[in-house]
């Protein structure tokens, strides 16, 4: 089993292939026993959809990456990894669109099994109103044992994580890059604190630098780990609305905080309410919809 995990991890480090090719490799060779036996032309015959440069990247990485060395480096930095086939892999993520084959984590891994979790997302340029909303809605939920899930982005994400920390609660950050590349850099101290006291995870290998396309992709994990998503301040075209869409596809509750119709920062949340999201003006609005086994405050 350990050899299979190492080979799975190696595959995840290889450039040139995506989730679908990864899936097809496992379908063709479930235990990855013939991973190193195939010649380049055999891989090409198996996966003709791969372009020559993609195939070259994949084949070269497959035969050059020292995965044991990588694992040792991660262990030295207290980075753990879970594969899709591990018992501790969170069930909530097994059923989402394109579940990560590998999750990298630093912190309290047991937090991935938290029952009561609320994703909180919103604008990177949070306003005073956004801060007031966080200060009003989250503390009562946190005191009742609700784990706050967010993406460590500037603005609402940061306020949500800090609220959980400040009120003695639990919080998980899902990064849009590797664990060695905290983004934004202004949140490095927050991330390090969470790595010691809470949990920070990523589906990307630790040395992966964040790129724009990675953030919308990671949003499916933020919603996937939660029982519902609360959107606090959002423009019409925003990652927050993408997270809300993922939540709907996953059968999760979507909550939105209403705002002035004249404010650009509330266009997205007001739209979500029009589309059927639960409007939130009090923390009880969330509790009434969620099947939380909430602790008494």
C-alpha atoms as a PDB file:
ATOM      1  CA  UNK A   1       0.000   0.000   0.000  1.00  0.00           C
ATOM      2  CA  UNK A   2       2.824   2.400   0.848  1.00  0.00           C
ATOM      3  CA  UNK A   3       4.447   1.780  -2.524  1.00  0.00           C
ATOM      4  CA  UNK A   4       1.122   2.495  -4.222  1.00  0.00           C
ATOM      5  CA  UNK A   5       0.813   5.770  -2.276  1.00  0.00           C
ATOM      6  CA  UNK A   6       4.308   6.804  -3.361  1.00  0.00           C
ATOM      7  CA  UNK A   7       3.538   6.058  -7.001  1.00  0.00           C
ATOM      8  CA  UNK A   8       0.272   7.945  -6.741  1.00  0.00           C
ATOM      9  CA  UNK A   9       2.146  10.898  -5.278  1.00  0.00           C
ATOM     10  CA  UNK A  10       4.723  10.699  -8.051  1.00  0.00           C
ATOM     11  CA  UNK A  11       1.983  10.806 -10.683  1.00  0.00           C
ATOM     12  CA  UNK A  12       0.552  13.886  -9.028  1.00  0.00           C
ATOM     13  CA  UNK A  13       3.948  15.601  -9.300  1.00  0.00           C
ATOM     14  CA  UNK A  14       4.232  14.921 -13.023  1.00  0.00           C
ATOM     15  CA  UNK A  15       3.591  17.796 -15.379  1.00  0.00           C
ATOM     16  CA  UNK A  16       1.720  17.350 -18.639  1.00  0.00           C
ATOM     17  CA  UNK A  17      -1.271  15.421 -17.323  1.00  0.00           C
ATOM     18  CA  UNK A  18      -4.514  16.519 -15.710  1.00  0.00           C
ATOM     19  CA  UNK A  19      -7.229  14.929 -13.610  1.00  0.00           C
ATOM     20  CA  UNK A  20      -8.768  12.983 -16.511  1.00  0.00           C
ATOM     21  CA  UNK A  21      -5.500  11.416 -17.681  1.00  0.00           C
ATOM     22  CA  UNK A  22      -4.679  10.575 -14.071  1.00  0.00           C
ATOM     23  CA  UNK A  23      -8.047   8.798 -13.841  1.00  0.00           C
ATOM     24  CA  UNK A  24      -7.439   6.898 -17.079  1.00  0.00           C
ATOM     25  CA  UNK A  25      -4.012   5.767 -15.883  1.00  0.00           C
ATOM     26  CA  UNK A  26      -5.585   4.350 -12.724  1.00  0.00           C
ATOM     27  CA  UNK A  27      -8.355   2.730 -14.742  1.00  0.00           C
ATOM     28  CA  UNK A  28      -5.815   1.007 -16.988  1.00  0.00           C
ATOM     29  CA  UNK A  29      -3.439   0.093 -14.144  1.00  0.00           C
ATOM     30  CA  UNK A  30      -5.319   0.271 -10.791  1.00  0.00           C
ATOM     31  CA  UNK A  31      -2.299  -0.612  -8.638  1.00  0.00           C
ATOM     32  CA  UNK A  32       0.178   1.356 -10.795  1.00  0.00           C
ATOM     33  CA  UNK A  33       2.397  -1.717 -11.060  1.00  0.00           C
ATOM     34  CA  UNK A  34       3.444  -1.065 -14.658  1.00  0.00           C
ATOM     35  CA  UNK A  35       4.042   2.654 -14.210  1.00  0.00           C
ATOM     36  CA  UNK A  36       7.761   2.503 -15.003  1.00  0.00           C
ATOM     37  CA  UNK A  37       7.610  -0.328 -17.536  1.00  0.00           C
ATOM     38  CA  UNK A  38       5.905   1.513 -20.367  1.00  0.00           C
ATOM     39  CA  UNK A  39       7.962   3.126 -23.102  1.00  0.00           C
ATOM     40  CA  UNK A  40       7.219   6.603 -24.366  1.00  0.00           C
ATOM     41  CA  UNK A  41       5.461   5.294 -27.498  1.00  0.00           C
ATOM     42  CA  UNK A  42       3.268   3.047 -25.335  1.00  0.00           C
ATOM     43  CA  UNK A  43       2.103   6.021 -23.294  1.00  0.00           C
ATOM     44  CA  UNK A  44       1.398   7.871 -26.524  1.00  0.00           C
ATOM     45  CA  UNK A  45      -0.673   4.967 -27.819  1.00  0.00           C
ATOM     46  CA  UNK A  46      -2.626   4.796 -24.570  1.00  0.00           C
ATOM     47  CA  UNK A  47      -3.302   8.527 -24.412  1.00  0.00           C
ATOM     48  CA  UNK A  48      -3.305   9.967 -27.940  1.00  0.00           C
ATOM     49  CA  UNK A  49      -4.991  13.110 -26.615  1.00  0.00           C
ATOM     50  CA  UNK A  50      -1.695  14.182 -25.049  1.00  0.00           C
ATOM     51  CA  UNK A  51       0.269  16.641 -27.158  1.00  0.00           C
ATOM     52  CA  UNK A  52       3.950  15.800 -27.784  1.00  0.00           C
ATOM     53  CA  UNK A  53       5.171  18.445 -25.339  1.00  0.00           C
ATOM     54  CA  UNK A  54       2.734  17.220 -22.665  1.00  0.00           C
ATOM     55  CA  UNK A  55       3.860  13.640 -23.161  1.00  0.00           C
ATOM     56  CA  UNK A  56       7.522  14.674 -22.919  1.00  0.00           C
ATOM     57  CA  UNK A  57       6.931  16.570 -19.675  1.00  0.00           C
ATOM     58  CA  UNK A  58       5.028  13.653 -18.186  1.00  0.00           C
ATOM     59  CA  UNK A  59       7.486  10.956 -19.267  1.00  0.00           C
ATOM     60  CA  UNK A  60      10.561  12.919 -18.211  1.00  0.00           C
ATOM     61  CA  UNK A  61       9.090  13.768 -14.796  1.00  0.00           C
ATOM     62  CA  UNK A  62       7.935  10.202 -14.249  1.00  0.00           C
ATOM     63  CA  UNK A  63      11.488   8.919 -14.668  1.00  0.00           C
ATOM     64  CA  UNK A  64      13.430  11.761 -13.066  1.00  0.00           C
ATOM     65  CA  UNK A  65      11.535  12.887  -9.956  1.00  0.00           C
ATOM     66  CA  UNK A  66      12.866  11.333  -6.763  1.00  0.00           C
ATOM     67  CA  UNK A  67       9.582  11.003  -4.898  1.00  0.00           C
ATOM     68  CA  UNK A  68      11.148   9.512  -1.755  1.00  0.00           C
ATOM     69  CA  UNK A  69      13.331  12.604  -1.494  1.00  0.00           C
ATOM     70  CA  UNK A  70      10.239  14.779  -1.909  1.00  0.00           C
ATOM     71  CA  UNK A  71       8.395  12.890   0.825  1.00  0.00           C
ATOM     72  CA  UNK A  72      11.340  13.262   3.198  1.00  0.00           C
ATOM     73  CA  UNK A  73      11.422  17.009   2.525  1.00  0.00           C
ATOM     74  CA  UNK A  74       7.703  17.314   3.199  1.00  0.00           C
ATOM     75  CA  UNK A  75       8.051  15.343   6.421  1.00  0.00           C
ATOM     76  CA  UNK A  76      10.876  17.638   7.542  1.00  0.00           C
ATOM     77  CA  UNK A  77       8.441  20.523   7.099  1.00  0.00           C
ATOM     78  CA  UNK A  78       5.578  18.704   8.865  1.00  0.00           C
ATOM     79  CA  UNK A  79       3.589  18.431   5.646  1.00  0.00           C
ATOM     80  CA  UNK A  80       1.346  15.392   5.462  1.00  0.00           C
ATOM     81  CA  UNK A  81      -0.417  14.020   2.422  1.00  0.00           C
ATOM     82  CA  UNK A  82      -3.603  12.058   1.961  1.00  0.00           C
ATOM     83  CA  UNK A  83      -4.500  10.170  -1.185  1.00  0.00           C
ATOM     84  CA  UNK A  84      -8.019   9.565  -2.436  1.00  0.00           C
ATOM     85  CA  UNK A  85      -7.659   5.926  -1.390  1.00  0.00           C
ATOM     86  CA  UNK A  86      -6.615   6.624   2.215  1.00  0.00           C
ATOM     87  CA  UNK A  87      -9.052   5.929   5.039  1.00  0.00           C
ATOM     88  CA  UNK A  88      -8.604   9.444   6.456  1.00  0.00           C
ATOM     89  CA  UNK A  89      -9.431  11.133   3.143  1.00  0.00           C
ATOM     90  CA  UNK A  90     -12.522  13.280   3.873  1.00  0.00           C
ATOM     91  CA  UNK A  91     -15.713  11.643   2.613  1.00  0.00           C
ATOM     92  CA  UNK A  92     -17.146  15.045   1.733  1.00  0.00           C
ATOM     93  CA  UNK A  93     -14.525  15.467  -0.980  1.00  0.00           C
ATOM     94  CA  UNK A  94     -14.914  11.985  -2.455  1.00  0.00           C
ATOM     95  CA  UNK A  95     -18.209  12.960  -4.040  1.00  0.00           C
ATOM     96  CA  UNK A  96     -17.384  16.365  -5.520  1.00  0.00           C
ATOM     97  CA  UNK A  97     -16.483  17.107  -9.133  1.00  0.00           C
ATOM     98  CA  UNK A  98     -12.907  15.979  -9.819  1.00  0.00           C
ATOM     99  CA  UNK A  99     -11.959  15.144  -6.216  1.00  0.00           C
ATOM    100  CA  UNK A 100      -8.243  15.714  -5.567  1.00  0.00           C
ATOM    101  CA  UNK A 101      -6.148  12.589  -5.922  1.00  0.00           C
ATOM    102  CA  UNK A 102      -3.831  13.979  -3.253  1.00  0.00           C
ATOM    103  CA  UNK A 103      -4.344  16.526  -0.484  1.00  0.00           C
ATOM    104  CA  UNK A 104      -1.354  18.174   1.181  1.00  0.00           C
ATOM    105  CA  UNK A 105      -1.929  19.352   4.722  1.00  0.00           C
ATOM    106  CA  UNK A 106      -0.141  21.098   7.548  1.00  0.00           C
ATOM    107  CA  UNK A 107      -1.729  21.291  10.968  1.00  0.00           C
ATOM    108  CA  UNK A 108      -4.404  19.246  12.709  1.00  0.00           C
ATOM    109  CA  UNK A 109      -5.387  16.669  10.111  1.00  0.00           C
ATOM    110  CA  UNK A 110      -8.329  15.472  12.213  1.00  0.00           C
ATOM    111  CA  UNK A 111     -10.090  18.757  11.435  1.00  0.00           C
ATOM    112  CA  UNK A 112     -10.920  17.396   7.980  1.00  0.00           C
ATOM    113  CA  UNK A 113     -13.501  15.220   9.725  1.00  0.00           C
ATOM    114  CA  UNK A 114     -15.283  18.185  11.354  1.00  0.00           C
ATOM    115  CA  UNK A 115     -19.052  17.717  11.205  1.00  0.00           C
ATOM    116  CA  UNK A 116     -20.196  21.328  11.518  1.00  0.00           C
ATOM    117  CA  UNK A 117     -18.506  23.493   8.915  1.00  0.00           C
ATOM    118  CA  UNK A 118     -19.448  26.739   7.217  1.00  0.00           C
ATOM    119  CA  UNK A 119     -17.557  28.173   4.259  1.00  0.00           C
ATOM    120  CA  UNK A 120     -17.289  31.962   4.401  1.00  0.00           C
ATOM    121  CA  UNK A 121     -16.236  33.801   1.242  1.00  0.00           C
ATOM    122  CA  UNK A 122     -16.397  37.300  -0.147  1.00  0.00           C
ATOM    123  CA  UNK A 123     -14.542  40.234  -1.612  1.00  0.00           C
ATOM    124  CA  UNK A 124     -10.816  40.730  -1.302  1.00  0.00           C
ATOM    125  CA  UNK A 125     -11.486  44.441  -0.817  1.00  0.00           C
ATOM    126  CA  UNK A 126     -13.762  44.050   2.194  1.00  0.00           C
ATOM    127  CA  UNK A 127     -15.584  47.179   3.342  1.00  0.00           C
ATOM    128  CA  UNK A 128     -16.447  48.339   6.847  1.00  0.00           C
ATOM    129  CA  UNK A 129     -19.856  46.759   6.275  1.00  0.00           C
ATOM    130  CA  UNK A 130     -18.199  43.421   5.499  1.00  0.00           C
ATOM    131  CA  UNK A 131     -16.182  43.616   8.713  1.00  0.00           C
ATOM    132  CA  UNK A 132     -19.338  44.425  10.698  1.00  0.00           C
ATOM    133  CA  UNK A 133     -21.163  41.473   9.147  1.00  0.00           C
ATOM    134  CA  UNK A 134     -18.346  39.078  10.079  1.00  0.00           C
ATOM    135  CA  UNK A 135     -18.221  40.482  13.625  1.00  0.00           C
ATOM    136  CA  UNK A 136     -21.967  40.046  14.039  1.00  0.00           C
ATOM    137  CA  UNK A 137     -22.650  36.693  12.385  1.00  0.00           C
ATOM    138  CA  UNK A 138     -19.639  34.474  13.000  1.00  0.00           C
ATOM    139  CA  UNK A 139     -18.849  34.630  16.756  1.00  0.00           C
ATOM    140  CA  UNK A 140     -22.142  32.989  17.853  1.00  0.00           C
ATOM    141  CA  UNK A 141     -21.602  30.200  15.307  1.00  0.00           C
ATOM    142  CA  UNK A 142     -17.961  29.742  16.286  1.00  0.00           C
ATOM    143  CA  UNK A 143     -18.848  29.532  19.980  1.00  0.00           C
ATOM    144  CA  UNK A 144     -21.303  26.771  19.122  1.00  0.00           C
ATOM    145  CA  UNK A 145     -18.588  24.677  17.504  1.00  0.00           C
ATOM    146  CA  UNK A 146     -18.893  25.667  13.855  1.00  0.00           C
ATOM    147  CA  UNK A 147     -15.641  25.288  11.885  1.00  0.00           C
ATOM    148  CA  UNK A 148     -14.972  28.140   9.461  1.00  0.00           C
ATOM    149  CA  UNK A 149     -13.668  27.164   6.008  1.00  0.00           C
ATOM    150  CA  UNK A 150     -12.165  29.778   3.693  1.00  0.00           C
ATOM    151  CA  UNK A 151      -9.378  30.438   1.225  1.00  0.00           C
ATOM    152  CA  UNK A 152      -6.892  32.683   3.079  1.00  0.00           C
ATOM    153  CA  UNK A 153      -7.448  35.426   0.498  1.00  0.00           C
ATOM    154  CA  UNK A 154      -7.333  39.076   1.506  1.00  0.00           C
ATOM    155  CA  UNK A 155     -10.559  40.652   2.710  1.00  0.00           C
ATOM    156  CA  UNK A 156     -13.506  38.545   3.842  1.00  0.00           C
ATOM    157  CA  UNK A 157     -11.519  35.277   3.889  1.00  0.00           C
ATOM    158  CA  UNK A 158      -8.937  36.773   6.221  1.00  0.00           C
ATOM    159  CA  UNK A 159     -11.589  38.318   8.462  1.00  0.00           C
ATOM    160  CA  UNK A 160     -13.361  34.958   8.711  1.00  0.00           C
ATOM    161  CA  UNK A 161     -10.190  33.051   9.657  1.00  0.00           C
ATOM    162  CA  UNK A 162      -9.226  35.693  12.210  1.00  0.00           C
ATOM    163  CA  UNK A 163     -12.706  35.659  13.715  1.00  0.00           C
ATOM    164  CA  UNK A 164     -12.433  31.915  14.310  1.00  0.00           C
ATOM    165  CA  UNK A 165      -8.995  32.295  15.878  1.00  0.00           C
ATOM    166  CA  UNK A 166     -10.061  35.259  17.979  1.00  0.00           C
ATOM    167  CA  UNK A 167     -13.053  33.442  19.429  1.00  0.00           C
ATOM    168  CA  UNK A 168     -11.300  30.179  20.242  1.00  0.00           C
ATOM    169  CA  UNK A 169     -12.812  28.308  17.326  1.00  0.00           C
ATOM    170  CA  UNK A 170     -11.538  26.137  14.508  1.00  0.00           C
ATOM    171  CA  UNK A 171     -10.785  27.130  10.930  1.00  0.00           C
ATOM    172  CA  UNK A 172      -9.389  25.533   7.772  1.00  0.00           C
ATOM    173  CA  UNK A 173      -7.698  27.375   4.901  1.00  0.00           C
ATOM    174  CA  UNK A 174      -7.734  25.932   1.380  1.00  0.00           C
ATOM    175  CA  UNK A 175      -4.924  27.407  -0.710  1.00  0.00           C
ATOM    176  CA  UNK A 176      -4.874  28.181  -4.417  1.00  0.00           C
ATOM    177  CA  UNK A 177      -1.228  27.144  -4.642  1.00  0.00           C
ATOM    178  CA  UNK A 178       1.313  24.984  -2.816  1.00  0.00           C
ATOM    179  CA  UNK A 179       1.934  25.104   0.935  1.00  0.00           C
ATOM    180  CA  UNK A 180       5.379  26.641   0.385  1.00  0.00           C
ATOM    181  CA  UNK A 181       3.846  29.581  -1.490  1.00  0.00           C
ATOM    182  CA  UNK A 182       1.413  31.476   0.737  1.00  0.00           C
ATOM    183  CA  UNK A 183      -0.722  33.969  -1.161  1.00  0.00           C
ATOM    184  CA  UNK A 184      -1.119  36.803  -0.505  1.00  0.00           C
ATOM    185  CA  UNK A 185       2.258  37.199   1.207  1.00  0.00           C
ATOM    186  CA  UNK A 186       0.660  39.598   3.685  1.00  0.00           C
ATOM    187  CA  UNK A 187      -1.100  36.554   5.142  1.00  0.00           C
ATOM    188  CA  UNK A 188       2.087  34.570   5.765  1.00  0.00           C
ATOM    189  CA  UNK A 189       1.983  35.091   9.543  1.00  0.00           C
ATOM    190  CA  UNK A 190      -1.702  34.124   9.611  1.00  0.00           C
ATOM    191  CA  UNK A 191      -0.977  31.003   7.565  1.00  0.00           C
ATOM    192  CA  UNK A 192       1.907  29.974   9.838  1.00  0.00           C
ATOM    193  CA  UNK A 193      -0.300  30.429  12.895  1.00  0.00           C
ATOM    194  CA  UNK A 194      -3.000  28.303  11.314  1.00  0.00           C
ATOM    195  CA  UNK A 195      -0.464  25.633  10.366  1.00  0.00           C
ATOM    196  CA  UNK A 196       0.460  25.358  14.054  1.00  0.00           C
ATOM    197  CA  UNK A 197      -2.980  25.654  15.631  1.00  0.00           C
ATOM    198  CA  UNK A 198      -5.509  24.853  12.897  1.00  0.00           C
ATOM    199  CA  UNK A 199      -5.207  23.385   9.392  1.00  0.00           C
ATOM    200  CA  UNK A 200      -4.039  24.569   5.974  1.00  0.00           C
ATOM    201  CA  UNK A 201      -4.508  22.331   2.934  1.00  0.00           C
ATOM    202  CA  UNK A 202      -3.945  22.328  -0.817  1.00  0.00           C
ATOM    203  CA  UNK A 203      -4.486  19.974  -3.735  1.00  0.00           C
ATOM    204  CA  UNK A 204      -1.329  21.355  -5.357  1.00  0.00           C
ATOM    205  CA  UNK A 205       2.176  20.065  -4.674  1.00  0.00           C
ATOM    206  CA  UNK A 206       3.924  22.182  -2.005  1.00  0.00           C
ATOM    207  CA  UNK A 207       6.300  23.926  -4.422  1.00  0.00           C
ATOM    208  CA  UNK A 208       3.523  24.914  -6.851  1.00  0.00           C
ATOM    209  CA  UNK A 209       3.317  28.668  -7.300  1.00  0.00           C
ATOM    210  CA  UNK A 210      -0.264  29.971  -7.375  1.00  0.00           C
ATOM    211  CA  UNK A 211      -1.687  30.908 -10.765  1.00  0.00           C
ATOM    212  CA  UNK A 212      -4.985  32.631 -11.521  1.00  0.00           C
ATOM    213  CA  UNK A 213      -6.766  29.529 -12.809  1.00  0.00           C
ATOM    214  CA  UNK A 214      -6.006  27.632  -9.608  1.00  0.00           C
ATOM    215  CA  UNK A 215      -8.194  29.806  -7.378  1.00  0.00           C
ATOM    216  CA  UNK A 216     -11.540  29.056  -9.075  1.00  0.00           C
ATOM    217  CA  UNK A 217     -10.580  25.361  -9.041  1.00  0.00           C
ATOM    218  CA  UNK A 218      -9.836  25.305  -5.308  1.00  0.00           C
ATOM    219  CA  UNK A 219     -13.241  26.878  -4.585  1.00  0.00           C
ATOM    220  CA  UNK A 220     -14.920  23.501  -5.142  1.00  0.00           C
ATOM    221  CA  UNK A 221     -12.906  22.225  -2.153  1.00  0.00           C
ATOM    222  CA  UNK A 222     -13.968  25.138   0.057  1.00  0.00           C
ATOM    223  CA  UNK A 223     -17.625  24.370  -0.603  1.00  0.00           C
ATOM    224  CA  UNK A 224     -17.020  20.624  -0.623  1.00  0.00           C
ATOM    225  CA  UNK A 225     -15.653  20.588   2.924  1.00  0.00           C
ATOM    226  CA  UNK A 226     -18.559  22.623   4.265  1.00  0.00           C
ATOM    227  CA  UNK A 227     -22.212  22.102   5.129  1.00  0.00           C
ATOM    228  CA  UNK A 228     -23.039  25.425   3.514  1.00  0.00           C
ATOM    229  CA  UNK A 229     -21.526  28.568   2.023  1.00  0.00           C
ATOM    230  CA  UNK A 230     -22.014  32.096   3.338  1.00  0.00           C
ATOM    231  CA  UNK A 231     -21.240  34.869   0.842  1.00  0.00           C
ATOM    232  CA  UNK A 232     -20.417  38.249   2.397  1.00  0.00           C
ATOM    233  CA  UNK A 233     -19.952  41.031  -0.176  1.00  0.00           C
ATOM    234  CA  UNK A 234     -19.390  39.982  -3.772  1.00  0.00           C
ATOM    235  CA  UNK A 235     -19.330  41.559  -7.187  1.00  0.00           C
ATOM    236  CA  UNK A 236     -21.219  39.981 -10.054  1.00  0.00           C
ATOM    237  CA  UNK A 237     -18.127  38.340 -11.529  1.00  0.00           C
ATOM    238  CA  UNK A 238     -16.252  36.907  -8.586  1.00  0.00           C
ATOM    239  CA  UNK A 239     -14.750  33.779  -7.117  1.00  0.00           C
ATOM    240  CA  UNK A 240     -17.375  33.938  -4.379  1.00  0.00           C
ATOM    241  CA  UNK A 241     -20.155  33.309  -6.886  1.00  0.00           C
ATOM    242  CA  UNK A 242     -18.136  30.425  -8.329  1.00  0.00           C
ATOM    243  CA  UNK A 243     -17.947  28.940  -4.829  1.00  0.00           C
ATOM    244  CA  UNK A 244     -21.707  29.401  -4.440  1.00  0.00           C
ATOM    245  CA  UNK A 245     -22.265  27.606  -7.757  1.00  0.00           C
ATOM    246  CA  UNK A 246     -20.075  24.706  -6.621  1.00  0.00           C
ATOM    247  CA  UNK A 247     -22.101  24.545  -3.402  1.00  0.00           C
ATOM    248  CA  UNK A 248     -25.359  24.303  -5.342  1.00  0.00           C
ATOM    249  CA  UNK A 249     -23.952  21.537  -7.539  1.00  0.00           C
ATOM    250  CA  UNK A 250     -22.848  19.694  -4.395  1.00  0.00           C
ATOM    251  CA  UNK A 251     -26.281  20.038  -2.801  1.00  0.00           C
ATOM    252  CA  UNK A 252     -25.091  22.446  -0.119  1.00  0.00           C
ATOM    253  CA  UNK A 253     -26.905  25.406   1.421  1.00  0.00           C
ATOM    254  CA  UNK A 254     -26.055  28.838   0.032  1.00  0.00           C
ATOM    255  CA  UNK A 255     -26.455  31.909   2.234  1.00  0.00           C
ATOM    256  CA  UNK A 256     -25.954  35.519   1.202  1.00  0.00           C
ATOM    257  CA  UNK A 257     -25.842  38.769   3.143  1.00  0.00           C
ATOM    258  CA  UNK A 258     -28.011  41.430   1.459  1.00  0.00           C
ATOM    259  CA  UNK A 259     -26.643  44.899   0.816  1.00  0.00           C
ATOM    260  CA  UNK A 260     -27.567  48.216  -0.733  1.00  0.00           C
ATOM    261  CA  UNK A 261     -28.728  47.969  -4.331  1.00  0.00           C
ATOM    262  CA  UNK A 262     -26.512  50.960  -5.097  1.00  0.00           C
ATOM    263  CA  UNK A 263     -23.339  49.234  -3.857  1.00  0.00           C
ATOM    264  CA  UNK A 264     -21.210  47.340  -6.365  1.00  0.00           C
ATOM    265  CA  UNK A 265     -19.960  45.217  -3.473  1.00  0.00           C
ATOM    266  CA  UNK A 266     -23.458  43.821  -2.949  1.00  0.00           C
ATOM    267  CA  UNK A 267     -24.470  43.113  -6.542  1.00  0.00           C
ATOM    268  CA  UNK A 268     -23.328  39.493  -6.297  1.00  0.00           C
ATOM    269  CA  UNK A 269     -24.953  38.732  -2.946  1.00  0.00           C
ATOM    270  CA  UNK A 270     -28.233  40.395  -3.916  1.00  0.00           C
ATOM    271  CA  UNK A 271     -28.220  38.377  -7.145  1.00  0.00           C
ATOM    272  CA  UNK A 272     -27.739  35.140  -5.195  1.00  0.00           C
ATOM    273  CA  UNK A 273     -30.734  36.009  -3.026  1.00  0.00           C
ATOM    274  CA  UNK A 274     -32.805  36.662  -6.151  1.00  0.00           C
ATOM    275  CA  UNK A 275     -31.756  33.233  -7.403  1.00  0.00           C
ATOM    276  CA  UNK A 276     -32.889  31.511  -4.214  1.00  0.00           C
ATOM    277  CA  UNK A 277     -30.033  31.812  -1.727  1.00  0.00           C
ATOM    278  CA  UNK A 278     -31.106  32.215   1.895  1.00  0.00           C
ATOM    279  CA  UNK A 279     -30.831  35.899   2.939  1.00  0.00           C
ATOM    280  CA  UNK A 280     -28.931  36.221   6.218  1.00  0.00           C
ATOM    281  CA  UNK A 281     -29.418  39.029   8.718  1.00  0.00           C
ATOM    282  CA  UNK A 282     -28.855  37.047  11.919  1.00  0.00           C
ATOM    283  CA  UNK A 283     -26.801  33.989  12.790  1.00  0.00           C
ATOM    284  CA  UNK A 284     -30.032  32.121  13.553  1.00  0.00           C
ATOM    285  CA  UNK A 285     -30.879  32.393   9.843  1.00  0.00           C
ATOM    286  CA  UNK A 286     -27.970  30.033   9.241  1.00  0.00           C
ATOM    287  CA  UNK A 287     -28.671  27.712  12.162  1.00  0.00           C
ATOM    288  CA  UNK A 288     -32.300  27.296  11.112  1.00  0.00           C
ATOM    289  CA  UNK A 289     -31.247  25.884   7.731  1.00  0.00           C
ATOM    290  CA  UNK A 290     -28.250  23.811   8.737  1.00  0.00           C
ATOM    291  CA  UNK A 291     -28.376  20.347  10.230  1.00  0.00           C
ATOM    292  CA  UNK A 292     -25.726  21.190  12.768  1.00  0.00           C
ATOM    293  CA  UNK A 293     -25.142  19.164  15.914  1.00  0.00           C
ATOM    294  CA  UNK A 294     -24.306  22.520  17.461  1.00  0.00           C
ATOM    295  CA  UNK A 295     -22.900  22.862  20.951  1.00  0.00           C
ATOM    296  CA  UNK A 296     -24.653  25.111  23.420  1.00  0.00           C
ATOM    297  CA  UNK A 297     -22.911  28.447  23.954  1.00  0.00           C
END
